[in-house]
PDB file of N, CA and C in Angstrom:
ATOM      1  N   UNK A   1      17.691   0.016  -2.445  1.00  0.00           N
ATOM      2  CA  UNK A   1      16.923   1.194  -2.799  1.00  0.00           C
ATOM      3  C   UNK A   1      15.657   1.234  -1.952  1.00  0.00           C
ATOM      4  N   UNK A   2      15.284   2.422  -1.569  1.00  0.00           N
ATOM      5  CA  UNK A   2      14.075   2.614  -0.786  1.00  0.00           C
ATOM      6  C   UNK A   2      12.862   2.732  -1.703  1.00  0.00           C
ATOM      7  N   UNK A   3      11.783   2.075  -1.329  1.00  0.00           N
ATOM      8  CA  UNK A   3      10.522   2.186  -2.068  1.00  0.00           C
ATOM      9  C   UNK A   3       9.507   2.882  -1.167  1.00  0.00           C
ATOM     10  N   UNK A   4       8.527   3.492  -1.800  1.00  0.00           N
ATOM     11  CA  UNK A   4       7.486   4.213  -1.058  1.00  0.00           C
ATOM     12  C   UNK A   4       6.192   3.419  -1.051  1.00  0.00           C
ATOM     13  N   UNK A   5       5.630   3.270   0.125  1.00  0.00           N
ATOM     14  CA  UNK A   5       4.306   2.701   0.308  1.00  0.00           C
ATOM     15  C   UNK A   5       3.419   3.857   0.748  1.00  0.00           C
ATOM     16  N   UNK A   6       2.661   4.411  -0.209  1.00  0.00           N
ATOM     17  CA  UNK A   6       1.754   5.519   0.088  1.00  0.00           C
ATOM     18  C   UNK A   6       0.423   4.947   0.567  1.00  0.00           C
ATOM     19  N   UNK A   7      -0.104   5.527   1.626  1.00  0.00           N
ATOM     20  CA  UNK A   7      -1.362   5.075   2.206  1.00  0.00           C
ATOM     21  C   UNK A   7      -2.337   6.250   2.206  1.00  0.00           C
ATOM     22  N   UNK A   8      -3.481   6.075   1.564  1.00  0.00           N
ATOM     23  CA  UNK A   8      -4.501   7.115   1.545  1.00  0.00           C
ATOM     24  C   UNK A   8      -5.133   7.191   2.929  1.00  0.00           C
ATOM     25  N   UNK A   9      -4.873   8.279   3.631  1.00  0.00           N
ATOM     26  CA  UNK A   9      -5.390   8.419   4.996  1.00  0.00           C
ATOM     27  C   UNK A   9      -6.778   9.039   5.036  1.00  0.00           C
ATOM     28  N   UNK A  10      -7.269   9.534   3.897  1.00  0.00           N
ATOM     29  CA  UNK A  10      -8.597  10.145   3.869  1.00  0.00           C
ATOM     30  C   UNK A  10      -9.688   9.178   3.417  1.00  0.00           C
ATOM     31  N   UNK A  11      -9.312   7.963   3.040  1.00  0.00           N
ATOM     32  CA  UNK A  11     -10.299   6.977   2.600  1.00  0.00           C
ATOM     33  C   UNK A  11     -11.321   6.717   3.698  1.00  0.00           C
ATOM     34  N   UNK A  12     -12.575   6.683   3.299  1.00  0.00           N
ATOM     35  CA  UNK A  12     -13.665   6.385   4.229  1.00  0.00           C
ATOM     36  C   UNK A  12     -14.145   4.951   4.093  1.00  0.00           C
ATOM     37  N   UNK A  13     -13.815   4.302   2.980  1.00  0.00           N
ATOM     38  CA  UNK A  13     -14.199   2.908   2.744  1.00  0.00           C
ATOM     39  C   UNK A  13     -15.703   2.695   2.902  1.00  0.00           C
ATOM     40  N   UNK A  14     -16.488   3.678   2.488  1.00  0.00           N
ATOM     41  CA  UNK A  14     -17.938   3.551   2.541  1.00  0.00           C
ATOM     42  C   UNK A  14     -18.553   3.791   3.903  1.00  0.00           C
ATOM     43  N   UNK A  15     -17.738   4.089   4.901  1.00  0.00           N
ATOM     44  CA  UNK A  15     -18.261   4.328   6.245  1.00  0.00           C
ATOM     45  C   UNK A  15     -18.717   5.776   6.374  1.00  0.00           C
ATOM     46  N   UNK A  16     -19.724   5.988   7.178  1.00  0.00           N
ATOM     47  CA  UNK A  16     -20.134   7.347   7.518  1.00  0.00           C
ATOM     48  C   UNK A  16     -19.104   7.938   8.467  1.00  0.00           C
ATOM     49  N   UNK A  17     -18.824   9.206   8.274  1.00  0.00           N
ATOM     50  CA  UNK A  17     -17.838   9.847   9.133  1.00  0.00           C
ATOM     51  C   UNK A  17     -18.455  10.156  10.494  1.00  0.00           C
ATOM     52  N   UNK A  18     -17.734   9.770  11.542  1.00  0.00           N
ATOM     53  CA  UNK A  18     -18.170  10.020  12.911  1.00  0.00           C
ATOM     54  C   UNK A  18     -17.147  10.969  13.536  1.00  0.00           C
ATOM     55  N   UNK A  19     -17.633  12.085  14.041  1.00  0.00           N
ATOM     56  CA  UNK A  19     -16.771  13.097  14.664  1.00  0.00           C
ATOM     57  C   UNK A  19     -15.846  12.451  15.695  1.00  0.00           C
ATOM     58  N   UNK A  20     -14.547  12.743  15.575  1.00  0.00           N
ATOM     59  CA  UNK A  20     -13.571  12.242  16.538  1.00  0.00           C
ATOM     60  C   UNK A  20     -13.096  10.829  16.293  1.00  0.00           C
ATOM     61  N   UNK A  21     -13.595  10.184  15.247  1.00  0.00           N
ATOM     62  CA  UNK A  21     -13.191   8.814  14.934  1.00  0.00           C
ATOM     63  C   UNK A  21     -12.294   8.826  13.696  1.00  0.00           C
ATOM     64  N   UNK A  22     -11.137   8.174  13.756  1.00  0.00           N
ATOM     65  CA  UNK A  22     -10.269   8.158  12.573  1.00  0.00           C
ATOM     66  C   UNK A  22     -10.930   7.425  11.409  1.00  0.00           C
ATOM     67  N   UNK A  23     -10.690   7.931  10.220  1.00  0.00           N
ATOM     68  CA  UNK A  23     -11.206   7.281   9.014  1.00  0.00           C
ATOM     69  C   UNK A  23     -10.496   5.942   8.819  1.00  0.00           C
ATOM     70  N   UNK A  24     -11.125   5.026   8.082  1.00  0.00           N
ATOM     71  CA  UNK A  24     -10.500   3.722   7.827  1.00  0.00           C
ATOM     72  C   UNK A  24      -9.095   3.844   7.220  1.00  0.00           C
ATOM     73  N   UNK A  25      -8.883   4.798   6.329  1.00  0.00           N
ATOM     74  CA  UNK A  25      -7.558   4.980   5.732  1.00  0.00           C
ATOM     75  C   UNK A  25      -6.513   5.366   6.769  1.00  0.00           C
ATOM     76  N   UNK A  26      -6.886   6.221   7.707  1.00  0.00           N
ATOM     77  CA  UNK A  26      -5.970   6.609   8.784  1.00  0.00           C
ATOM     78  C   UNK A  26      -5.692   5.415   9.702  1.00  0.00           C
ATOM     79  N   UNK A  27      -6.720   4.602   9.930  1.00  0.00           N
ATOM     80  CA  UNK A  27      -6.518   3.393  10.749  1.00  0.00           C
ATOM     81  C   UNK A  27      -5.582   2.410  10.044  1.00  0.00           C
ATOM     82  N   UNK A  28      -5.723   2.289   8.717  1.00  0.00           N
ATOM     83  CA  UNK A  28      -4.823   1.417   7.956  1.00  0.00           C
ATOM     84  C   UNK A  28      -3.388   1.924   8.067  1.00  0.00           C
ATOM     85  N   UNK A  29      -3.193   3.224   7.905  1.00  0.00           N
ATOM     86  CA  UNK A  29      -1.848   3.790   8.029  1.00  0.00           C
ATOM     87  C   UNK A  29      -1.259   3.489   9.407  1.00  0.00           C
ATOM     88  N   UNK A  30      -2.038   3.714  10.457  1.00  0.00           N
ATOM     89  CA  UNK A  30      -1.568   3.453  11.816  1.00  0.00           C
ATOM     90  C   UNK A  30      -1.208   1.983  12.010  1.00  0.00           C
ATOM     91  N   UNK A  31      -2.011   1.088  11.464  1.00  0.00           N
ATOM     92  CA  UNK A  31      -1.738  -0.353  11.583  1.00  0.00           C
ATOM     93  C   UNK A  31      -0.450  -0.722  10.864  1.00  0.00           C
ATOM     94  N   UNK A  32      -0.210  -0.129   9.702  1.00  0.00           N
ATOM     95  CA  UNK A  32       1.021  -0.410   8.960  1.00  0.00           C
ATOM     96  C   UNK A  32       2.243   0.096   9.720  1.00  0.00           C
ATOM     97  N   UNK A  33       2.162   1.296  10.251  1.00  0.00           N
ATOM     98  CA  UNK A  33       3.285   1.859  11.019  1.00  0.00           C
ATOM     99  C   UNK A  33       3.557   1.009  12.254  1.00  0.00           C
ATOM    100  N   UNK A  34       2.502   0.576  12.929  1.00  0.00           N
ATOM    101  CA  UNK A  34       2.663  -0.244  14.130  1.00  0.00           C
ATOM    102  C   UNK A  34       3.246  -1.615  13.813  1.00  0.00           C
ATOM    103  N   UNK A  35       2.849  -2.192  12.685  1.00  0.00           N
ATOM    104  CA  UNK A  35       3.290  -3.547  12.333  1.00  0.00           C
ATOM    105  C   UNK A  35       4.655  -3.567  11.643  1.00  0.00           C
ATOM    106  N   UNK A  36       5.073  -2.474  11.053  1.00  0.00           N
ATOM    107  CA  UNK A  36       6.303  -2.455  10.252  1.00  0.00           C
ATOM    108  C   UNK A  36       7.531  -2.988  10.987  1.00  0.00           C
ATOM    109  N   UNK A  37       7.780  -2.613  12.241  1.00  0.00           N
ATOM    110  CA  UNK A  37       8.974  -3.158  12.907  1.00  0.00           C
ATOM    111  C   UNK A  37       8.902  -4.660  13.130  1.00  0.00           C
ATOM    112  N   UNK A  38       7.695  -5.221  13.124  1.00  0.00           N
ATOM    113  CA  UNK A  38       7.515  -6.646  13.398  1.00  0.00           C
ATOM    114  C   UNK A  38       7.497  -7.495  12.136  1.00  0.00           C
ATOM    115  N   UNK A  39       7.313  -6.852  10.994  1.00  0.00           N
ATOM    116  CA  UNK A  39       7.131  -7.579   9.738  1.00  0.00           C
ATOM    117  C   UNK A  39       8.392  -7.568   8.892  1.00  0.00           C
ATOM    118  N   UNK A  40       8.231  -7.964   7.629  1.00  0.00           N
ATOM    119  CA  UNK A  40       9.369  -8.131   6.728  1.00  0.00           C
ATOM    120  C   UNK A  40       9.682  -6.881   5.923  1.00  0.00           C
ATOM    121  N   UNK A  41       9.169  -5.717   6.323  1.00  0.00           N
ATOM    122  CA  UNK A  41       9.414  -4.481   5.588  1.00  0.00           C
ATOM    123  C   UNK A  41      10.240  -3.526   6.442  1.00  0.00           C
ATOM    124  N   UNK A  42      11.562  -3.705   6.457  1.00  0.00           N
ATOM    125  CA  UNK A  42      12.381  -2.816   7.287  1.00  0.00           C
ATOM    126  C   UNK A  42      12.276  -1.374   6.814  1.00  0.00           C
ATOM    127  N   UNK A  43      12.315  -0.446   7.764  1.00  0.00           N
ATOM    128  CA  UNK A  43      12.099   0.965   7.445  1.00  0.00           C
ATOM    129  C   UNK A  43      13.123   1.510   6.469  1.00  0.00           C
ATOM    130  N   UNK A  44      14.329   0.930   6.393  1.00  0.00           N
ATOM    131  CA  UNK A  44      15.317   1.430   5.443  1.00  0.00           C
ATOM    132  C   UNK A  44      15.021   0.967   4.011  1.00  0.00           C
ATOM    133  N   UNK A  45      14.123   0.024   3.838  1.00  0.00           N
ATOM    134  CA  UNK A  45      13.760  -0.474   2.512  1.00  0.00           C
ATOM    135  C   UNK A  45      12.403   0.049   2.066  1.00  0.00           C
ATOM    136  N   UNK A  46      11.417   0.046   2.954  1.00  0.00           N
ATOM    137  CA  UNK A  46      10.061   0.484   2.632  1.00  0.00           C
ATOM    138  C   UNK A  46       9.697   1.654   3.548  1.00  0.00           C
ATOM    139  N   UNK A  47       9.429   2.791   2.943  1.00  0.00           N
ATOM    140  CA  UNK A  47       8.992   3.956   3.713  1.00  0.00           C
ATOM    141  C   UNK A  47       7.477   4.070   3.600  1.00  0.00           C
ATOM    142  N   UNK A  48       6.804   4.055   4.727  1.00  0.00           N
ATOM    143  CA  UNK A  48       5.350   4.174   4.769  1.00  0.00           C
ATOM    144  C   UNK A  48       5.015   5.660   4.848  1.00  0.00           C
ATOM    145  N   UNK A  49       4.303   6.140   3.823  1.00  0.00           N
ATOM    146  CA  UNK A  49       4.029   7.570   3.731  1.00  0.00           C
ATOM    147  C   UNK A  49       2.528   7.829   3.655  1.00  0.00           C
ATOM    148  N   UNK A  50       1.999   8.640   4.566  1.00  0.00           N
ATOM    149  CA  UNK A  50       0.578   9.007   4.463  1.00  0.00           C
ATOM    150  C   UNK A  50       0.385   9.978   3.306  1.00  0.00           C
ATOM    151  N   UNK A  51      -0.739   9.863   2.641  1.00  0.00           N
ATOM    152  CA  UNK A  51      -1.084  10.765   1.545  1.00  0.00           C
ATOM    153  C   UNK A  51      -2.578  11.041   1.647  1.00  0.00           C
ATOM    154  N   UNK A  52      -2.998  12.212   1.201  1.00  0.00           N
ATOM    155  CA  UNK A  52      -4.402  12.586   1.385  1.00  0.00           C
ATOM    156  C   UNK A  52      -5.359  11.928   0.412  1.00  0.00           C
ATOM    157  N   UNK A  53      -4.957  11.585  -0.784  1.00  0.00           N
ATOM    158  CA  UNK A  53      -5.909  10.959  -1.696  1.00  0.00           C
ATOM    159  C   UNK A  53      -5.179  10.244  -2.822  1.00  0.00           C
ATOM    160  N   UNK A  54      -5.622   9.038  -3.123  1.00  0.00           N
ATOM    161  CA  UNK A  54      -5.121   8.286  -4.276  1.00  0.00           C
ATOM    162  C   UNK A  54      -6.185   8.193  -5.372  1.00  0.00           C
ATOM    163  N   UNK A  55      -7.279   8.907  -5.205  1.00  0.00           N
ATOM    164  CA  UNK A  55      -8.387   8.921  -6.176  1.00  0.00           C
ATOM    165  C   UNK A  55      -8.924   7.529  -6.483  1.00  0.00           C
ATOM    166  N   UNK A  56      -9.000   6.708  -5.457  1.00  0.00           N
ATOM    167  CA  UNK A  56      -9.592   5.375  -5.588  1.00  0.00           C
ATOM    168  C   UNK A  56     -10.746   5.253  -4.597  1.00  0.00           C
ATOM    169  N   UNK A  57     -11.466   6.337  -4.417  1.00  0.00           N
ATOM    170  CA  UNK A  57     -12.484   6.444  -3.370  1.00  0.00           C
ATOM    171  C   UNK A  57     -13.542   5.341  -3.417  1.00  0.00           C
ATOM    172  N   UNK A  58     -13.919   4.912  -4.597  1.00  0.00           N
ATOM    173  CA  UNK A  58     -14.950   3.872  -4.694  1.00  0.00           C
ATOM    174  C   UNK A  58     -14.395   2.477  -4.405  1.00  0.00           C
ATOM    175  N   UNK A  59     -13.095   2.383  -4.152  1.00  0.00           N
ATOM    176  CA  UNK A  59     -12.450   1.092  -3.926  1.00  0.00           C
ATOM    177  C   UNK A  59     -12.012   0.892  -2.479  1.00  0.00           C
ATOM    178  N   UNK A  60     -12.579   1.647  -1.565  1.00  0.00           N
ATOM    179  CA  UNK A  60     -12.219   1.492  -0.162  1.00  0.00           C
ATOM    180  C   UNK A  60     -10.816   1.987   0.107  1.00  0.00           C
ATOM    181  N   UNK A  61     -10.204   1.514   1.161  1.00  0.00           N
ATOM    182  CA  UNK A  61      -8.854   1.952   1.505  1.00  0.00           C
ATOM    183  C   UNK A  61      -7.883   1.512   0.416  1.00  0.00           C
ATOM    184  N   UNK A  62      -6.962   2.420   0.096  1.00  0.00           N
ATOM    185  CA  UNK A  62      -6.025   2.113  -0.974  1.00  0.00           C
ATOM    186  C   UNK A  62      -4.600   2.494  -0.593  1.00  0.00           C
ATOM    187  N   UNK A  63      -3.662   1.804  -1.245  1.00  0.00           N
ATOM    188  CA  UNK A  63      -2.234   2.073  -1.079  1.00  0.00           C
ATOM    189  C   UNK A  63      -1.584   2.037  -2.453  1.00  0.00           C
ATOM    190  N   UNK A  64      -0.403   2.615  -2.552  1.00  0.00           N
ATOM    191  CA  UNK A  64       0.374   2.482  -3.779  1.00  0.00           C
ATOM    192  C   UNK A  64       1.814   2.155  -3.420  1.00  0.00           C
ATOM    193  N   UNK A  65       2.478   1.482  -4.338  1.00  0.00           N
ATOM    194  CA  UNK A  65       3.901   1.169  -4.212  1.00  0.00           C
ATOM    195  C   UNK A  65       4.620   1.782  -5.399  1.00  0.00           C
ATOM    196  N   UNK A  66       5.733   2.474  -5.127  1.00  0.00           N
ATOM    197  CA  UNK A  66       6.492   3.071  -6.220  1.00  0.00           C
ATOM    198  C   UNK A  66       7.949   3.245  -5.816  1.00  0.00           C
ATOM    199  N   UNK A  67       8.788   3.334  -6.838  1.00  0.00           N
ATOM    200  CA  UNK A  67      10.210   3.606  -6.664  1.00  0.00           C
ATOM    201  C   UNK A  67      10.764   4.023  -8.021  1.00  0.00           C
ATOM    202  N   UNK A  68      11.818   4.832  -8.034  1.00  0.00           N
ATOM    203  CA  UNK A  68      12.391   5.263  -9.307  1.00  0.00           C
ATOM    204  C   UNK A  68      12.789   4.072 -10.184  1.00  0.00           C
ATOM    205  N   UNK A  69      12.423   4.144 -11.459  1.00  0.00           N
ATOM    206  CA  UNK A  69      12.797   3.109 -12.414  1.00  0.00           C
ATOM    207  C   UNK A  69      12.006   1.819 -12.326  1.00  0.00           C
ATOM    208  N   UNK A  70      10.957   1.793 -11.525  1.00  0.00           N
ATOM    209  CA  UNK A  70      10.158   0.574 -11.345  1.00  0.00           C
ATOM    210  C   UNK A  70       8.711   0.815 -11.743  1.00  0.00           C
ATOM    211  N   UNK A  71       8.015  -0.261 -12.048  1.00  0.00           N
ATOM    212  CA  UNK A  71       6.576  -0.208 -12.218  1.00  0.00           C
ATOM    213  C   UNK A  71       5.972   0.207 -10.880  1.00  0.00           C
ATOM    214  N   UNK A  72       4.879   0.941 -10.916  1.00  0.00           N
ATOM    215  CA  UNK A  72       4.143   1.331  -9.717  1.00  0.00           C
ATOM    216  C   UNK A  72       2.804   0.607  -9.713  1.00  0.00           C
ATOM    217  N   UNK A  73       2.256   0.414  -8.526  1.00  0.00           N
ATOM    218  CA  UNK A  73       0.986  -0.302  -8.367  1.00  0.00           C
ATOM    219  C   UNK A  73       0.077   0.455  -7.424  1.00  0.00           C
ATOM    220  N   UNK A  74      -1.238   0.342  -7.647  1.00  0.00           N
ATOM    221  CA  UNK A  74      -2.249   0.852  -6.735  1.00  0.00           C
ATOM    222  C   UNK A  74      -3.138  -0.342  -6.364  1.00  0.00           C
ATOM    223  N   UNK A  75      -3.357  -0.515  -5.059  1.00  0.00           N
ATOM    224  CA  UNK A  75      -4.191  -1.600  -4.546  1.00  0.00           C
ATOM    225  C   UNK A  75      -5.329  -1.009  -3.733  1.00  0.00           C
ATOM    226  N   UNK A  76      -6.511  -1.630  -3.794  1.00  0.00           N
ATOM    227  CA  UNK A  76      -7.667  -1.136  -3.058  1.00  0.00           C
ATOM    228  C   UNK A  76      -8.407  -2.231  -2.330  1.00  0.00           C
ATOM    229  N   UNK A  77      -9.507  -1.833  -1.711  1.00  0.00           N
ATOM    230  CA  UNK A  77     -10.351  -2.730  -0.922  1.00  0.00           C
ATOM    231  C   UNK A  77      -9.558  -3.346   0.242  1.00  0.00           C
ATOM    232  N   UNK A  78      -8.793  -2.502   0.923  1.00  0.00           N
ATOM    233  CA  UNK A  78      -7.926  -2.946   2.011  1.00  0.00           C
ATOM    234  C   UNK A  78      -8.452  -2.436   3.347  1.00  0.00           C
ATOM    235  N   UNK A  79      -7.960  -3.046   4.419  1.00  0.00           N
ATOM    236  CA  UNK A  79      -8.301  -2.586   5.770  1.00  0.00           C
ATOM    237  C   UNK A  79      -7.094  -2.791   6.670  1.00  0.00           C
ATOM    238  N   UNK A  80      -7.210  -2.309   7.892  1.00  0.00           N
ATOM    239  CA  UNK A  80      -6.103  -2.475   8.833  1.00  0.00           C
ATOM    240  C   UNK A  80      -5.803  -3.942   9.116  1.00  0.00           C
ATOM    241  N   UNK A  81      -6.767  -4.822   8.884  1.00  0.00           N
ATOM    242  CA  UNK A  81      -6.539  -6.258   9.067  1.00  0.00           C
ATOM    243  C   UNK A  81      -5.569  -6.816   8.027  1.00  0.00           C
ATOM    244  N   UNK A  82      -5.323  -6.076   6.949  1.00  0.00           N
ATOM    245  CA  UNK A  82      -4.433  -6.520   5.880  1.00  0.00           C
ATOM    246  C   UNK A  82      -2.995  -6.027   6.057  1.00  0.00           C
ATOM    247  N   UNK A  83      -2.688  -5.366   7.163  1.00  0.00           N
ATOM    248  CA  UNK A  83      -1.377  -4.736   7.336  1.00  0.00           C
ATOM    249  C   UNK A  83      -0.224  -5.716   7.110  1.00  0.00           C
ATOM    250  N   UNK A  84      -0.296  -6.889   7.669  1.00  0.00           N
ATOM    251  CA  UNK A  84       0.787  -7.863   7.525  1.00  0.00           C
ATOM    252  C   UNK A  84       1.006  -8.251   6.063  1.00  0.00           C
ATOM    253  N   UNK A  85      -0.080  -8.532   5.343  1.00  0.00           N
ATOM    254  CA  UNK A  85       0.041  -8.893   3.923  1.00  0.00           C
ATOM    255  C   UNK A  85       0.542  -7.723   3.085  1.00  0.00           C
ATOM    256  N   UNK A  86       0.110  -6.512   3.401  1.00  0.00           N
ATOM    257  CA  UNK A  86       0.576  -5.331   2.665  1.00  0.00           C
ATOM    258  C   UNK A  86       2.078  -5.168   2.860  1.00  0.00           C
ATOM    259  N   UNK A  87       2.545  -5.309   4.084  1.00  0.00           N
ATOM    260  CA  UNK A  87       3.982  -5.169   4.346  1.00  0.00           C
ATOM    261  C   UNK A  87       4.782  -6.287   3.691  1.00  0.00           C
ATOM    262  N   UNK A  88       4.234  -7.480   3.672  1.00  0.00           N
ATOM    263  CA  UNK A  88       4.892  -8.594   2.991  1.00  0.00           C
ATOM    264  C   UNK A  88       5.005  -8.309   1.494  1.00  0.00           C
ATOM    265  N   UNK A  89       3.927  -7.815   0.906  1.00  0.00           N
ATOM    266  CA  UNK A  89       3.946  -7.463  -0.513  1.00  0.00           C
ATOM    267  C   UNK A  89       4.893  -6.316  -0.807  1.00  0.00           C
ATOM    268  N   UNK A  90       4.960  -5.339   0.097  1.00  0.00           N
ATOM    269  CA  UNK A  90       5.873  -4.208  -0.082  1.00  0.00           C
ATOM    270  C   UNK A  90       7.327  -4.673  -0.018  1.00  0.00           C
ATOM    271  N   UNK A  91       7.627  -5.603   0.869  1.00  0.00           N
ATOM    272  CA  UNK A  91       8.990  -6.138   0.961  1.00  0.00           C
ATOM    273  C   UNK A  91       9.359  -6.897  -0.312  1.00  0.00           C
ATOM    274  N   UNK A  92       8.419  -7.668  -0.859  1.00  0.00           N
ATOM    275  CA  UNK A  92       8.670  -8.382  -2.120  1.00  0.00           C
ATOM    276  C   UNK A  92       8.897  -7.387  -3.250  1.00  0.00           C
ATOM    277  N   UNK A  93       8.108  -6.318  -3.281  1.00  0.00           N
ATOM    278  CA  UNK A  93       8.280  -5.264  -4.283  1.00  0.00           C
ATOM    279  C   UNK A  93       9.666  -4.629  -4.156  1.00  0.00           C
ATOM    280  N   UNK A  94      10.115  -4.384  -2.936  1.00  0.00           N
ATOM    281  CA  UNK A  94      11.430  -3.787  -2.708  1.00  0.00           C
ATOM    282  C   UNK A  94      12.558  -4.675  -3.236  1.00  0.00           C
ATOM    283  N   UNK A  95      12.361  -5.975  -3.198  1.00  0.00           N
ATOM    284  CA  UNK A  95      13.383  -6.908  -3.683  1.00  0.00           C
ATOM    285  C   UNK A  95      13.376  -7.066  -5.203  1.00  0.00           C
ATOM    286  N   UNK A  96      12.306  -6.672  -5.865  1.00  0.00           N
ATOM    287  CA  UNK A  96      12.177  -6.845  -7.318  1.00  0.00           C
ATOM    288  C   UNK A  96      12.817  -5.655  -8.031  1.00  0.00           C
ATOM    289  N   UNK A  97      13.867  -5.862  -8.793  1.00  0.00           N
ATOM    290  CA  UNK A  97      14.591  -4.744  -9.411  1.00  0.00           C
ATOM    291  C   UNK A  97      13.729  -3.860 -10.313  1.00  0.00           C
ATOM    292  N   UNK A  98      12.731  -4.435 -10.972  1.00  0.00           N
ATOM    293  CA  UNK A  98      11.874  -3.656 -11.866  1.00  0.00           C
ATOM    294  C   UNK A  98      10.492  -3.390 -11.263  1.00  0.00           C
ATOM    295  N   UNK A  99      10.268  -3.869 -10.044  1.00  0.00           N
ATOM    296  CA  UNK A  99       8.984  -3.681  -9.385  1.00  0.00           C
ATOM    297  C   UNK A  99       7.968  -4.761  -9.702  1.00  0.00           C
ATOM    298  N   UNK A 100       8.295  -5.663 -10.600  1.00  0.00           N
ATOM    299  CA  UNK A 100       7.361  -6.726 -10.966  1.00  0.00           C
ATOM    300  C   UNK A 100       7.675  -7.963 -10.136  1.00  0.00           C
ATOM    301  N   UNK A 101       6.812  -8.228  -9.179  1.00  0.00           N
ATOM    302  CA  UNK A 101       6.954  -9.399  -8.310  1.00  0.00           C
ATOM    303  C   UNK A 101       6.282 -10.572  -9.002  1.00  0.00           C
ATOM    304  N   UNK A 102       6.951 -11.729  -9.129  1.00  0.00           N
ATOM    305  CA  UNK A 102       6.299 -12.885  -9.739  1.00  0.00           C
ATOM    306  C   UNK A 102       4.944 -13.170  -9.073  1.00  0.00           C
ATOM    307  N   UNK A 103       3.973 -13.525  -9.899  1.00  0.00           N
ATOM    308  CA  UNK A 103       2.585 -13.700  -9.469  1.00  0.00           C
ATOM    309  C   UNK A 103       2.467 -14.529  -8.195  1.00  0.00           C
ATOM    310  N   UNK A 104       3.087 -15.673  -8.151  1.00  0.00           N
ATOM    311  CA  UNK A 104       2.926 -16.590  -7.011  1.00  0.00           C
ATOM    312  C   UNK A 104       3.620 -16.084  -5.746  1.00  0.00           C
ATOM    313  N   UNK A 105       4.496 -15.099  -5.883  1.00  0.00           N
ATOM    314  CA  UNK A 105       5.186 -14.546  -4.714  1.00  0.00           C
ATOM    315  C   UNK A 105       4.443 -13.353  -4.112  1.00  0.00           C
ATOM    316  N   UNK A 106       3.361 -12.925  -4.748  1.00  0.00           N
ATOM    317  CA  UNK A 106       2.570 -11.802  -4.249  1.00  0.00           C
ATOM    318  C   UNK A 106       1.567 -12.304  -3.206  1.00  0.00           C
ATOM    319  N   UNK A 107       1.322 -11.506  -2.170  1.00  0.00           N
ATOM    320  CA  UNK A 107       0.241 -11.873  -1.245  1.00  0.00           C
ATOM    321  C   UNK A 107      -1.080 -11.921  -2.007  1.00  0.00           C
ATOM    322  N   UNK A 108      -1.995 -12.737  -1.565  1.00  0.00           N
ATOM    323  CA  UNK A 108      -3.278 -12.901  -2.229  1.00  0.00           C
ATOM    324  C   UNK A 108      -3.990 -11.561  -2.448  1.00  0.00           C
ATOM    325  N   UNK A 109      -3.939 -10.671  -1.460  1.00  0.00           N
ATOM    326  CA  UNK A 109      -4.626  -9.388  -1.634  1.00  0.00           C
ATOM    327  C   UNK A 109      -4.014  -8.580  -2.779  1.00  0.00           C
ATOM    328  N   UNK A 110      -2.732  -8.731  -3.029  1.00  0.00           N
ATOM    329  CA  UNK A 110      -2.110  -8.012  -4.149  1.00  0.00           C
ATOM    330  C   UNK A 110      -2.462  -8.670  -5.480  1.00  0.00           C
ATOM    331  N   UNK A 111      -2.710  -9.962  -5.477  1.00  0.00           N
ATOM    332  CA  UNK A 111      -3.132 -10.634  -6.711  1.00  0.00           C
ATOM    333  C   UNK A 111      -4.570 -10.268  -7.061  1.00  0.00           C
ATOM    334  N   UNK A 112      -5.418 -10.156  -6.059  1.00  0.00           N
ATOM    335  CA  UNK A 112      -6.851  -9.975  -6.278  1.00  0.00           C
ATOM    336  C   UNK A 112      -7.312  -8.521  -6.249  1.00  0.00           C
ATOM    337  N   UNK A 113      -6.549  -7.628  -5.638  1.00  0.00           N
ATOM    338  CA  UNK A 113      -7.048  -6.286  -5.381  1.00  0.00           C
ATOM    339  C   UNK A 113      -6.210  -5.181  -6.029  1.00  0.00           C
ATOM    340  N   UNK A 114      -5.544  -5.529  -7.119  1.00  0.00           N
ATOM    341  CA  UNK A 114      -4.775  -4.529  -7.858  1.00  0.00           C
ATOM    342  C   UNK A 114      -5.723  -3.655  -8.662  1.00  0.00           C
ATOM    343  N   UNK A 115      -5.577  -2.341  -8.528  1.00  0.00           N
ATOM    344  CA  UNK A 115      -6.413  -1.398  -9.262  1.00  0.00           C
ATOM    345  C   UNK A 115      -5.693  -0.846 -10.491  1.00  0.00           C
ATOM    346  N   UNK A 116      -4.366  -0.707 -10.400  1.00  0.00           N
ATOM    347  CA  UNK A 116      -3.617  -0.145 -11.524  1.00  0.00           C
ATOM    348  C   UNK A 116      -2.156  -0.553 -11.449  1.00  0.00           C
ATOM    349  N   UNK A 117      -1.569  -0.676 -12.631  1.00  0.00           N
ATOM    350  CA  UNK A 117      -0.130  -0.894 -12.763  1.00  0.00           C
ATOM    351  C   UNK A 117       0.366   0.196 -13.708  1.00  0.00           C
ATOM    352  N   UNK A 118       1.338   0.972 -13.283  1.00  0.00           N
ATOM    353  CA  UNK A 118       1.784   2.152 -14.009  1.00  0.00           C
ATOM    354  C   UNK A 118       3.249   1.955 -14.402  1.00  0.00           C
ATOM    355  N   UNK A 119       3.587   2.148 -15.696  1.00  0.00           N
ATOM    356  CA  UNK A 119       4.972   1.936 -16.112  1.00  0.00           C
ATOM    357  C   UNK A 119       5.922   2.965 -15.506  1.00  0.00           C
ATOM    358  N   UNK A 120       7.198   2.599 -15.452  1.00  0.00           N
ATOM    359  CA  UNK A 120       8.184   3.551 -14.943  1.00  0.00           C
ATOM    360  C   UNK A 120       8.231   4.810 -15.822  1.00  0.00           C
ATOM    361  N   UNK A 121       8.534   5.929 -15.229  1.00  0.00           N
ATOM    362  CA  UNK A 121       8.677   7.161 -15.996  1.00  0.00           C
ATOM    363  C   UNK A 121       9.815   6.991 -16.987  1.00  0.00           C
ATOM    364  N   UNK A 122       9.571   7.410 -18.209  1.00  0.00           N
ATOM    365  CA  UNK A 122      10.581   7.291 -19.252  1.00  0.00           C
ATOM    366  C   UNK A 122      10.419   6.084 -20.134  1.00  0.00           C
ATOM    367  N   UNK A 123       9.519   5.172 -19.765  1.00  0.00           N
ATOM    368  CA  UNK A 123       9.283   3.976 -20.594  1.00  0.00           C
ATOM    369  C   UNK A 123       8.099   4.175 -21.499  1.00  0.00           C
TER     370      UNK A 123
END
């Protein structure tokens, strides 16, 4: 089953906007897309999708993981330097039938920077 990794591309992460410079969220999205073929998140399993806002503005760059019938997660305080760990966590999420990855199998950033866990629709 394919899971969605949504990346907030409008996140500013507390930076002042500079004309012609991509926002931190857009840079994170670009880093994830660039790293995806090299990491453990094959495109047929994890789809990286840009989104305009995850309403986690005070938490820096944010991403969410979701799939039908699974728990969903929102993570914040991320940067393009975290791309490898984000993709590793997304691959682990894709392998978990209910979306709940055992604590010790989660990348450290997913253990420490979780903003929300949302139950599957219908539960």
